[in-house]
Amino acid sequence: MDKFGKMMGKLVAAAQILAITTLAACTLSTSTTVCHATDDPANPYEEITVNSAEFNEHLGHPNDINPAPISGCPTSPVVIIDGKISICHATGSETNPYNEITVSVNGLNGHSRHEGDIFPVPEAGCPTSPLVINEGKIMICHATSSEKNPYNEITVSVNGLNGHGTHADDIIPAPQAGCPTTRP
């Protein structure tokens, strides 16, 4: 065997060792955070960190969300149809701040890392004005039954809105000038 053949053989062997080492490192030590469905309406998801083998198991759970959104798991139950959920995708536009889109719960089509996306879509639809999100929370005007104080300004998680997305009279997000002092 000539020098070139010996050198090529060593390079191939080194490449194989490097490839096996890289694959082993990726599959054994990779961890992912998922939203594991609990079937408890008061606490519908538990945020857990799993290794690659456990992650593959959670891909088979029909109501799990993989991976967890960057701002955390939804705080209200999510409607999952055929492995897909609807979210409000933040566009960065002042005039059209959100687009309602449908994504796979497995991978979220990359939206788990998007700052400002809302998981899931509130019952009233995506907000029509930009949200001011601070540490995964937003200000809303929660409707009360009081005529003197028709709204309370409160802070809730952007994911699931702590159930306020289903309150027809709540104002999401709170106007920059604050909550109204009278009902519309």
N, C-alpha and C. Protein backbone atom coordinates (compact mmCIF):
# COMPACT_ATOMS: atom_id res chain seq x y z
N MET A 1 0.84 -1.17 0.00
CA MET A 1 0.00 0.00 0.00
C MET A 1 0.90 1.25 0.00
N ASP A 2 0.58 2.20 -0.81
CA ASP A 2 1.39 3.41 -0.88
C ASP A 2 1.05 4.38 0.25
N LYS A 3 1.86 5.44 0.36
CA LYS A 3 1.66 6.43 1.43
C LYS A 3 0.28 7.06 1.37
N PHE A 4 -0.18 7.37 0.17
CA PHE A 4 -1.49 7.99 0.01
C PHE A 4 -2.61 7.08 0.54
N GLY A 5 -2.53 5.79 0.23
CA GLY A 5 -3.54 4.83 0.67
C GLY A 5 -3.57 4.71 2.19
N LYS A 6 -2.36 4.68 2.82
CA LYS A 6 -2.30 4.59 4.28
C LYS A 6 -2.89 5.84 4.93
N MET A 7 -2.53 7.00 4.36
CA MET A 7 -3.03 8.25 4.92
C MET A 7 -4.55 8.32 4.78
N MET A 8 -5.05 7.91 3.62
CA MET A 8 -6.50 7.93 3.40
C MET A 8 -7.21 6.99 4.37
N GLY A 9 -6.64 5.84 4.62
CA GLY A 9 -7.21 4.89 5.57
C GLY A 9 -7.29 5.47 6.97
N LYS A 10 -6.23 6.18 7.39
CA LYS A 10 -6.23 6.81 8.71
C LYS A 10 -7.28 7.92 8.79
N LEU A 11 -7.41 8.71 7.72
CA LEU A 11 -8.40 9.77 7.70
C LEU A 11 -9.82 9.22 7.79
N VAL A 12 -10.09 8.15 7.07
CA VAL A 12 -11.42 7.53 7.11
C VAL A 12 -11.70 7.01 8.52
N ALA A 13 -10.73 6.35 9.14
CA ALA A 13 -10.91 5.83 10.50
C ALA A 13 -11.15 6.97 11.49
N ALA A 14 -10.39 8.06 11.37
CA ALA A 14 -10.57 9.21 12.26
C ALA A 14 -11.95 9.83 12.07
N ALA A 15 -12.40 9.94 10.82
CA ALA A 15 -13.72 10.50 10.55
C ALA A 15 -14.82 9.64 11.15
N GLN A 16 -14.67 8.32 11.07
CA GLN A 16 -15.68 7.42 11.64
C GLN A 16 -15.73 7.57 13.16
N ILE A 17 -14.57 7.64 13.79
CA ILE A 17 -14.52 7.80 15.24
C ILE A 17 -15.16 9.13 15.64
N LEU A 18 -14.84 10.19 14.93
CA LEU A 18 -15.42 11.50 15.21
C LEU A 18 -16.94 11.48 15.04
N ALA A 19 -17.42 10.85 13.99
CA ALA A 19 -18.87 10.78 13.75
C ALA A 19 -19.58 9.99 14.84
N ILE A 20 -19.02 8.88 15.24
CA ILE A 20 -19.65 8.06 16.30
C ILE A 20 -19.65 8.83 17.62
N THR A 21 -18.54 9.49 17.94
CA THR A 21 -18.47 10.27 19.18
C THR A 21 -19.49 11.40 19.17
N THR A 22 -19.61 12.09 18.06
CA THR A 22 -20.57 13.20 17.94
C THR A 22 -21.99 12.69 18.10
N LEU A 23 -22.34 11.61 17.43
CA LEU A 23 -23.70 11.05 17.54
C LEU A 23 -23.99 10.60 18.95
N ALA A 24 -23.03 9.95 19.60
CA ALA A 24 -23.24 9.48 20.96
C ALA A 24 -23.46 10.67 21.90
N ALA A 25 -22.69 11.71 21.74
CA ALA A 25 -22.83 12.89 22.60
C ALA A 25 -24.17 13.55 22.40
N CYS A 26 -24.64 13.63 21.17
CA CYS A 26 -25.91 14.28 20.89
C CYS A 26 -27.08 13.49 21.43
N THR A 27 -27.06 12.18 21.29
CA THR A 27 -28.22 11.40 21.68
C THR A 27 -28.26 11.13 23.17
N LEU A 28 -27.14 11.09 23.86
CA LEU A 28 -27.16 10.75 25.27
C LEU A 28 -27.35 11.96 26.18
N SER A 29 -26.85 13.12 25.79
CA SER A 29 -26.88 14.24 26.72
C SER A 29 -27.86 15.34 26.34
N THR A 30 -28.56 15.22 25.23
CA THR A 30 -29.48 16.26 24.82
C THR A 30 -30.73 16.23 25.69
N SER A 31 -31.11 17.40 26.20
CA SER A 31 -32.35 17.48 26.97
C SER A 31 -33.23 18.56 26.35
N THR A 32 -34.54 18.40 26.53
CA THR A 32 -35.52 19.31 25.97
C THR A 32 -36.60 19.56 27.02
N THR A 33 -37.12 20.76 27.06
CA THR A 33 -38.23 21.08 27.95
C THR A 33 -39.52 20.93 27.18
N VAL A 34 -40.49 20.20 27.75
CA VAL A 34 -41.79 19.98 27.11
C VAL A 34 -42.90 20.40 28.07
N CYS A 35 -44.07 20.66 27.50
CA CYS A 35 -45.27 20.91 28.29
C CYS A 35 -46.04 19.59 28.33
N HIS A 36 -45.98 18.92 29.47
CA HIS A 36 -46.63 17.63 29.64
C HIS A 36 -48.06 17.84 30.12
N ALA A 37 -49.03 17.32 29.35
CA ALA A 37 -50.45 17.47 29.70
C ALA A 37 -50.76 16.72 30.98
N THR A 38 -51.49 17.39 31.90
CA THR A 38 -51.80 16.80 33.21
C THR A 38 -53.25 16.32 33.33
N ASP A 39 -54.13 16.73 32.43
CA ASP A 39 -55.57 16.46 32.51
C ASP A 39 -56.23 17.17 33.69
N ASP A 40 -55.56 18.18 34.26
CA ASP A 40 -56.10 18.98 35.35
C ASP A 40 -56.41 20.38 34.79
N PRO A 41 -57.70 20.75 34.66
CA PRO A 41 -58.04 22.06 34.07
C PRO A 41 -57.43 23.24 34.82
N ALA A 42 -57.20 23.11 36.13
CA ALA A 42 -56.61 24.21 36.90
C ALA A 42 -55.12 24.35 36.62
N ASN A 43 -54.46 23.29 36.25
CA ASN A 43 -53.02 23.29 35.95
C ASN A 43 -52.81 22.32 34.78
N PRO A 44 -53.17 22.75 33.56
CA PRO A 44 -53.23 21.82 32.43
C PRO A 44 -51.89 21.29 31.94
N TYR A 45 -50.80 21.98 32.24
CA TYR A 45 -49.48 21.54 31.76
C TYR A 45 -48.44 21.64 32.85
N GLU A 46 -47.55 20.67 32.85
CA GLU A 46 -46.40 20.69 33.73
C GLU A 46 -45.16 20.82 32.84
N GLU A 47 -44.33 21.81 33.12
CA GLU A 47 -43.12 22.00 32.33
C GLU A 47 -42.05 21.06 32.88
N ILE A 48 -41.60 20.11 32.04
CA ILE A 48 -40.60 19.14 32.48
C ILE A 48 -39.45 19.10 31.47
N THR A 49 -38.28 18.72 31.96
CA THR A 49 -37.12 18.55 31.10
C THR A 49 -36.86 17.06 30.94
N VAL A 50 -36.72 16.63 29.69
CA VAL A 50 -36.55 15.20 29.38
C VAL A 50 -35.30 15.00 28.53
N ASN A 51 -34.74 13.77 28.61
CA ASN A 51 -33.63 13.43 27.73
C ASN A 51 -34.18 12.96 26.39
N SER A 52 -33.30 12.61 25.46
CA SER A 52 -33.76 12.28 24.11
C SER A 52 -34.68 11.07 24.07
N ALA A 53 -34.42 10.05 24.89
CA ALA A 53 -35.29 8.87 24.90
C ALA A 53 -36.68 9.23 25.45
N GLU A 54 -36.70 10.02 26.52
CA GLU A 54 -37.98 10.44 27.10
C GLU A 54 -38.71 11.38 26.15
N PHE A 55 -37.97 12.22 25.43
CA PHE A 55 -38.57 13.13 24.46
C PHE A 55 -39.33 12.34 23.39
N ASN A 56 -38.72 11.28 22.89
CA ASN A 56 -39.39 10.45 21.88
C ASN A 56 -40.69 9.86 22.43
N GLU A 57 -40.70 9.53 23.72
CA GLU A 57 -41.93 9.02 24.35
C GLU A 57 -43.00 10.11 24.39
N HIS A 58 -42.60 11.34 24.72
CA HIS A 58 -43.57 12.44 24.81
C HIS A 58 -44.10 12.85 23.44
N LEU A 59 -43.36 12.56 22.38
CA LEU A 59 -43.88 12.84 21.04
C LEU A 59 -45.16 12.03 20.79
N GLY A 60 -45.30 10.91 21.48
CA GLY A 60 -46.49 10.07 21.32
C GLY A 60 -47.65 10.47 22.22
N HIS A 61 -47.45 11.39 23.15
CA HIS A 61 -48.54 11.84 24.01
C HIS A 61 -49.37 12.86 23.23
N PRO A 62 -50.66 12.60 23.03
CA PRO A 62 -51.45 13.45 22.13
C PRO A 62 -51.64 14.89 22.57
N ASN A 63 -51.53 15.20 23.85
CA ASN A 63 -51.78 16.58 24.30
C ASN A 63 -50.54 17.30 24.80
N ASP A 64 -49.37 16.65 24.71
CA ASP A 64 -48.13 17.31 25.10
C ASP A 64 -47.72 18.31 24.02
N ILE A 65 -47.00 19.35 24.43
CA ILE A 65 -46.50 20.36 23.50
C ILE A 65 -44.97 20.28 23.54
N ASN A 66 -44.37 19.98 22.39
CA ASN A 66 -42.94 19.74 22.29
C ASN A 66 -42.28 20.62 21.24
N PRO A 67 -41.31 21.42 21.61
CA PRO A 67 -40.81 21.76 22.94
C PRO A 67 -41.69 22.82 23.59
N ALA A 68 -41.43 23.11 24.85
CA ALA A 68 -42.19 24.15 25.55
C ALA A 68 -41.89 25.51 24.93
N PRO A 69 -42.90 26.38 24.80
CA PRO A 69 -42.64 27.74 24.31
C PRO A 69 -41.64 28.45 25.22
N ILE A 70 -40.89 29.38 24.67
CA ILE A 70 -39.85 30.10 25.41
C ILE A 70 -40.43 30.83 26.63
N SER A 71 -41.68 31.26 26.55
CA SER A 71 -42.29 31.97 27.67
C SER A 71 -43.05 31.05 28.62
N GLY A 72 -42.92 29.75 28.44
CA GLY A 72 -43.53 28.79 29.37
C GLY A 72 -44.74 28.09 28.79
N CYS A 73 -45.25 27.15 29.55
CA CYS A 73 -46.40 26.36 29.12
C CYS A 73 -47.69 27.16 29.26
N PRO A 74 -48.69 26.85 28.42
CA PRO A 74 -49.99 27.52 28.56
C PRO A 74 -50.58 27.29 29.95
N THR A 75 -51.30 28.28 30.44
CA THR A 75 -51.92 28.18 31.77
C THR A 75 -53.38 27.79 31.69
N SER A 76 -53.89 27.60 30.47
CA SER A 76 -55.26 27.12 30.29
C SER A 76 -55.21 25.98 29.27
N PRO A 77 -56.21 25.10 29.31
CA PRO A 77 -56.19 23.97 28.37
C PRO A 77 -56.14 24.43 26.91
N VAL A 78 -55.44 23.69 26.10
CA VAL A 78 -55.27 24.00 24.68
C VAL A 78 -56.06 22.99 23.86
N VAL A 79 -56.79 23.49 22.86
CA VAL A 79 -57.51 22.60 21.96
C VAL A 79 -56.53 22.11 20.90
N ILE A 80 -56.32 20.79 20.88
CA ILE A 80 -55.41 20.18 19.91
C ILE A 80 -56.24 19.33 18.96
N ILE A 81 -56.16 19.65 17.68
CA ILE A 81 -56.92 18.92 16.67
C ILE A 81 -55.94 18.35 15.65
N ASP A 82 -55.96 17.02 15.51
CA ASP A 82 -55.06 16.34 14.58
C ASP A 82 -53.60 16.72 14.80
N GLY A 83 -53.21 16.86 16.08
CA GLY A 83 -51.82 17.16 16.40
C GLY A 83 -51.42 18.61 16.14
N LYS A 84 -52.41 19.50 15.98
CA LYS A 84 -52.10 20.91 15.68
C LYS A 84 -52.83 21.83 16.65
N ILE A 85 -52.22 23.01 16.90
CA ILE A 85 -52.83 24.04 17.73
C ILE A 85 -52.75 25.37 16.99
N SER A 86 -53.65 26.28 17.36
CA SER A 86 -53.63 27.63 16.79
C SER A 86 -52.93 28.56 17.77
N ILE A 87 -52.05 29.40 17.23
CA ILE A 87 -51.30 30.36 18.03
C ILE A 87 -51.40 31.74 17.38
N CYS A 88 -51.08 32.75 18.16
CA CYS A 88 -50.96 34.11 17.62
C CYS A 88 -49.48 34.36 17.39
N HIS A 89 -49.09 34.45 16.13
CA HIS A 89 -47.69 34.68 15.77
C HIS A 89 -47.43 36.19 15.74
N ALA A 90 -46.46 36.63 16.56
CA ALA A 90 -46.09 38.05 16.62
C ALA A 90 -45.38 38.43 15.33
N THR A 91 -45.88 39.48 14.66
CA THR A 91 -45.33 39.89 13.37
C THR A 91 -44.33 41.04 13.49
N GLY A 92 -44.39 41.79 14.60
CA GLY A 92 -43.54 42.96 14.74
C GLY A 92 -44.15 44.21 14.10
N SER A 93 -45.34 44.06 13.51
CA SER A 93 -46.01 45.18 12.85
C SER A 93 -46.90 45.92 13.85
N GLU A 94 -46.89 47.24 13.81
CA GLU A 94 -47.76 48.04 14.68
C GLU A 94 -49.22 47.93 14.24
N THR A 95 -49.46 47.82 12.93
CA THR A 95 -50.83 47.82 12.41
C THR A 95 -51.44 46.42 12.36
N ASN A 96 -50.64 45.38 12.27
CA ASN A 96 -51.13 44.00 12.26
C ASN A 96 -50.17 43.16 13.11
N PRO A 97 -50.28 43.31 14.46
CA PRO A 97 -49.25 42.74 15.33
C PRO A 97 -49.24 41.22 15.42
N TYR A 98 -50.35 40.56 15.07
CA TYR A 98 -50.42 39.10 15.20
C TYR A 98 -51.14 38.49 14.01
N ASN A 99 -50.67 37.31 13.62
CA ASN A 99 -51.36 36.48 12.64
C ASN A 99 -51.74 35.19 13.35
N GLU A 100 -52.99 34.77 13.20
CA GLU A 100 -53.39 33.49 13.76
C GLU A 100 -52.95 32.40 12.78
N ILE A 101 -52.14 31.47 13.29
CA ILE A 101 -51.66 30.37 12.45
C ILE A 101 -51.83 29.05 13.19
N THR A 102 -51.82 27.97 12.46
CA THR A 102 -51.94 26.63 13.03
C THR A 102 -50.61 25.91 12.83
N VAL A 103 -50.09 25.34 13.94
CA VAL A 103 -48.79 24.67 13.90
C VAL A 103 -48.90 23.31 14.58
N SER A 104 -47.95 22.43 14.29
CA SER A 104 -47.88 21.12 14.92
C SER A 104 -47.46 21.27 16.38
N VAL A 105 -48.06 20.46 17.27
CA VAL A 105 -47.65 20.49 18.67
C VAL A 105 -46.26 19.88 18.83
N ASN A 106 -45.81 19.12 17.86
CA ASN A 106 -44.47 18.55 17.90
C ASN A 106 -43.52 19.43 17.11
N GLY A 107 -42.83 20.29 17.83
CA GLY A 107 -41.88 21.20 17.22
C GLY A 107 -42.41 22.61 17.08
N LEU A 108 -43.74 22.77 17.09
CA LEU A 108 -44.37 24.08 16.98
C LEU A 108 -43.89 24.85 15.76
N ASN A 109 -43.40 24.12 14.76
CA ASN A 109 -42.88 24.73 13.54
C ASN A 109 -41.89 25.85 13.84
N GLY A 110 -41.11 25.66 14.91
CA GLY A 110 -40.09 26.64 15.28
C GLY A 110 -40.58 27.79 16.13
N HIS A 111 -41.87 27.88 16.38
CA HIS A 111 -42.42 29.02 17.12
C HIS A 111 -42.18 28.96 18.62
N SER A 112 -41.68 27.86 19.14
CA SER A 112 -41.43 27.78 20.59
C SER A 112 -40.38 28.79 21.02
N ARG A 113 -39.53 29.25 20.12
CA ARG A 113 -38.46 30.20 20.45
C ARG A 113 -38.79 31.63 20.05
N HIS A 114 -39.98 31.87 19.54
CA HIS A 114 -40.36 33.23 19.12
C HIS A 114 -40.84 34.03 20.32
N GLU A 115 -40.14 35.11 20.63
CA GLU A 115 -40.60 36.03 21.67
C GLU A 115 -41.88 36.70 21.19
N GLY A 116 -42.89 36.75 22.03
CA GLY A 116 -44.11 37.47 21.70
C GLY A 116 -45.23 36.63 21.12
N ASP A 117 -44.95 35.41 20.65
CA ASP A 117 -46.03 34.55 20.18
C ASP A 117 -46.90 34.17 21.37
N ILE A 118 -48.21 34.00 21.14
CA ILE A 118 -49.16 33.67 22.21
C ILE A 118 -49.67 32.26 21.98
N PHE A 119 -49.56 31.42 23.01
CA PHE A 119 -49.99 30.03 22.98
C PHE A 119 -51.05 29.83 24.05
N PRO A 120 -52.27 29.42 23.77
CA PRO A 120 -52.94 29.31 22.48
C PRO A 120 -53.60 30.64 22.13
N VAL A 121 -54.36 30.65 21.03
CA VAL A 121 -55.12 31.84 20.63
C VAL A 121 -56.21 32.09 21.66
N PRO A 122 -56.34 33.32 22.17
CA PRO A 122 -57.45 33.62 23.09
C PRO A 122 -58.79 33.40 22.38
N GLU A 123 -59.83 33.13 23.16
CA GLU A 123 -61.15 32.86 22.60
C GLU A 123 -61.64 34.00 21.71
N ALA A 124 -61.31 35.23 22.06
CA ALA A 124 -61.74 36.38 21.27
C ALA A 124 -60.85 36.61 20.04
N GLY A 125 -59.84 35.76 19.84
CA GLY A 125 -58.94 35.92 18.71
C GLY A 125 -57.65 36.61 19.13
N CYS A 126 -56.76 36.77 18.18
CA CYS A 126 -55.47 37.41 18.45
C CYS A 126 -55.66 38.90 18.74
N PRO A 127 -54.83 39.47 19.61
CA PRO A 127 -54.93 40.91 19.89
C PRO A 127 -54.73 41.74 18.62
N THR A 128 -55.38 42.89 18.59
CA THR A 128 -55.28 43.77 17.42
C THR A 128 -54.29 44.91 17.66
N SER A 129 -53.71 44.97 18.86
CA SER A 129 -52.67 45.96 19.13
C SER A 129 -51.49 45.22 19.76
N PRO A 130 -50.29 45.76 19.61
CA PRO A 130 -49.11 45.07 20.16
C PRO A 130 -49.20 44.92 21.67
N LEU A 131 -48.75 43.79 22.17
CA LEU A 131 -48.71 43.55 23.61
C LEU A 131 -47.37 44.01 24.16
N VAL A 132 -47.42 44.53 25.36
CA VAL A 132 -46.19 44.82 26.07
C VAL A 132 -45.96 43.63 26.98
N ILE A 133 -44.98 42.80 26.61
CA ILE A 133 -44.71 41.57 27.35
C ILE A 133 -43.48 41.79 28.21
N ASN A 134 -43.63 41.53 29.51
CA ASN A 134 -42.54 41.68 30.45
C ASN A 134 -42.40 40.38 31.22
N GLU A 135 -41.30 39.67 30.99
CA GLU A 135 -41.04 38.39 31.65
C GLU A 135 -42.20 37.42 31.45
N GLY A 136 -42.74 37.37 30.23
CA GLY A 136 -43.79 36.41 29.89
C GLY A 136 -45.18 36.81 30.39
N LYS A 137 -45.34 38.05 30.86
CA LYS A 137 -46.62 38.50 31.40
C LYS A 137 -47.08 39.78 30.70
N ILE A 138 -48.41 39.98 30.67
CA ILE A 138 -48.99 41.19 30.08
C ILE A 138 -50.04 41.77 31.01
N MET A 139 -50.34 43.04 30.80
CA MET A 139 -51.41 43.72 31.55
C MET A 139 -52.71 43.60 30.76
N ILE A 140 -53.80 43.27 31.46
CA ILE A 140 -55.12 43.23 30.84
C ILE A 140 -56.11 43.97 31.73
N CYS A 141 -57.26 44.29 31.18
CA CYS A 141 -58.35 44.87 31.96
C CYS A 141 -59.37 43.76 32.20
N HIS A 142 -59.45 43.30 33.44
CA HIS A 142 -60.39 42.24 33.81
C HIS A 142 -61.74 42.86 34.17
N ALA A 143 -62.77 42.44 33.44
CA ALA A 143 -64.12 42.97 33.68
C ALA A 143 -64.64 42.48 35.02
N THR A 144 -65.24 43.41 35.77
CA THR A 144 -65.86 43.08 37.06
C THR A 144 -67.38 43.28 36.92
N SER A 145 -68.09 42.97 37.95
CA SER A 145 -69.54 43.22 37.93
C SER A 145 -69.89 44.55 38.59
N SER A 146 -68.88 45.33 38.92
CA SER A 146 -69.07 46.61 39.61
C SER A 146 -69.29 47.73 38.60
N GLU A 147 -70.30 48.57 38.87
CA GLU A 147 -70.51 49.73 38.01
C GLU A 147 -69.51 50.83 38.35
N LYS A 148 -69.09 50.90 39.62
CA LYS A 148 -68.14 51.91 40.05
C LYS A 148 -66.73 51.62 39.53
N ASN A 149 -66.33 50.34 39.53
CA ASN A 149 -65.02 49.89 39.04
C ASN A 149 -65.26 48.77 38.02
N PRO A 150 -65.58 49.12 36.77
CA PRO A 150 -65.93 48.08 35.80
C PRO A 150 -64.76 47.19 35.38
N TYR A 151 -63.52 47.65 35.60
CA TYR A 151 -62.34 46.85 35.21
C TYR A 151 -61.27 46.94 36.28
N ASN A 152 -60.56 45.83 36.46
CA ASN A 152 -59.34 45.80 37.28
C ASN A 152 -58.18 45.54 36.33
N GLU A 153 -57.13 46.36 36.43
CA GLU A 153 -55.94 46.12 35.63
C GLU A 153 -55.11 45.07 36.36
N ILE A 154 -54.87 43.93 35.68
CA ILE A 154 -54.12 42.83 36.29
C ILE A 154 -53.04 42.34 35.33
N THR A 155 -52.07 41.65 35.87
CA THR A 155 -50.98 41.06 35.10
C THR A 155 -51.18 39.56 35.04
N VAL A 156 -51.13 38.99 33.82
CA VAL A 156 -51.32 37.56 33.64
C VAL A 156 -50.27 37.01 32.67
N SER A 157 -50.11 35.70 32.67
CA SER A 157 -49.19 35.04 31.75
C SER A 157 -49.70 35.21 30.32
N VAL A 158 -48.79 35.49 29.40
CA VAL A 158 -49.17 35.63 27.99
C VAL A 158 -49.62 34.28 27.42
N ASN A 159 -49.16 33.18 28.00
CA ASN A 159 -49.55 31.85 27.53
C ASN A 159 -50.79 31.38 28.26
N GLY A 160 -51.91 31.42 27.59
CA GLY A 160 -53.17 30.99 28.16
C GLY A 160 -53.92 32.11 28.86
N LEU A 161 -53.23 33.21 29.14
CA LEU A 161 -53.84 34.39 29.76
C LEU A 161 -54.54 34.05 31.06
N ASN A 162 -54.08 33.00 31.74
CA ASN A 162 -54.67 32.54 33.00
C ASN A 162 -56.19 32.38 32.87
N GLY A 163 -56.64 31.95 31.70
CA GLY A 163 -58.06 31.73 31.46
C GLY A 163 -58.83 32.96 31.02
N HIS A 164 -58.21 34.13 31.06
CA HIS A 164 -58.92 35.36 30.71
C HIS A 164 -59.20 35.48 29.22
N GLY A 165 -58.58 34.67 28.41
CA GLY A 165 -58.87 34.67 26.97
C GLY A 165 -60.29 34.24 26.67
N THR A 166 -60.95 33.59 27.65
CA THR A 166 -62.34 33.16 27.47
C THR A 166 -63.34 34.14 28.06
N HIS A 167 -62.86 35.20 28.71
CA HIS A 167 -63.76 36.20 29.29
C HIS A 167 -64.11 37.23 28.23
N ALA A 168 -65.35 37.23 27.79
CA ALA A 168 -65.77 38.07 26.67
C ALA A 168 -65.60 39.57 26.95
N ASP A 169 -65.75 40.02 28.19
CA ASP A 169 -65.70 41.45 28.48
C ASP A 169 -64.32 41.96 28.89
N ASP A 170 -63.34 41.05 29.07
CA ASP A 170 -61.99 41.49 29.41
C ASP A 170 -61.37 42.20 28.20
N ILE A 171 -60.50 43.15 28.46
CA ILE A 171 -59.82 43.88 27.38
C ILE A 171 -58.37 43.42 27.37
N ILE A 172 -57.98 42.80 26.25
CA ILE A 172 -56.64 42.23 26.11
C ILE A 172 -56.01 42.78 24.84
N PRO A 173 -54.91 43.49 24.98
CA PRO A 173 -54.19 43.94 26.17
C PRO A 173 -54.85 45.18 26.75
N ALA A 174 -54.38 45.58 27.93
CA ALA A 174 -54.87 46.82 28.53
C ALA A 174 -54.42 48.00 27.67
N PRO A 175 -55.29 48.98 27.45
CA PRO A 175 -54.88 50.16 26.68
C PRO A 175 -53.72 50.88 27.37
N GLN A 176 -52.88 51.56 26.60
CA GLN A 176 -51.73 52.27 27.16
C GLN A 176 -52.16 53.32 28.18
N ALA A 177 -53.34 53.89 28.00
CA ALA A 177 -53.84 54.92 28.92
C ALA A 177 -54.46 54.32 30.16
N GLY A 178 -54.51 53.00 30.26
CA GLY A 178 -55.13 52.33 31.40
C GLY A 178 -56.50 51.81 31.09
N CYS A 179 -57.11 51.13 32.03
CA CYS A 179 -58.43 50.52 31.83
C CYS A 179 -59.53 51.60 31.84
N PRO A 180 -60.59 51.38 31.06
CA PRO A 180 -61.70 52.34 31.06
C PRO A 180 -62.36 52.42 32.43
N THR A 181 -62.97 53.55 32.70
CA THR A 181 -63.66 53.73 33.99
C THR A 181 -65.17 53.51 33.83
N THR A 182 -65.61 53.31 32.58
CA THR A 182 -67.01 52.99 32.31
C THR A 182 -67.06 51.85 31.28
N ARG A 183 -68.18 51.17 31.25
CA ARG A 183 -68.36 50.10 30.26
C ARG A 183 -68.75 50.70 28.92
N PRO A 184 -68.32 50.09 27.83
CA PRO A 184 -68.68 50.60 26.49
C PRO A 184 -70.17 50.45 26.22
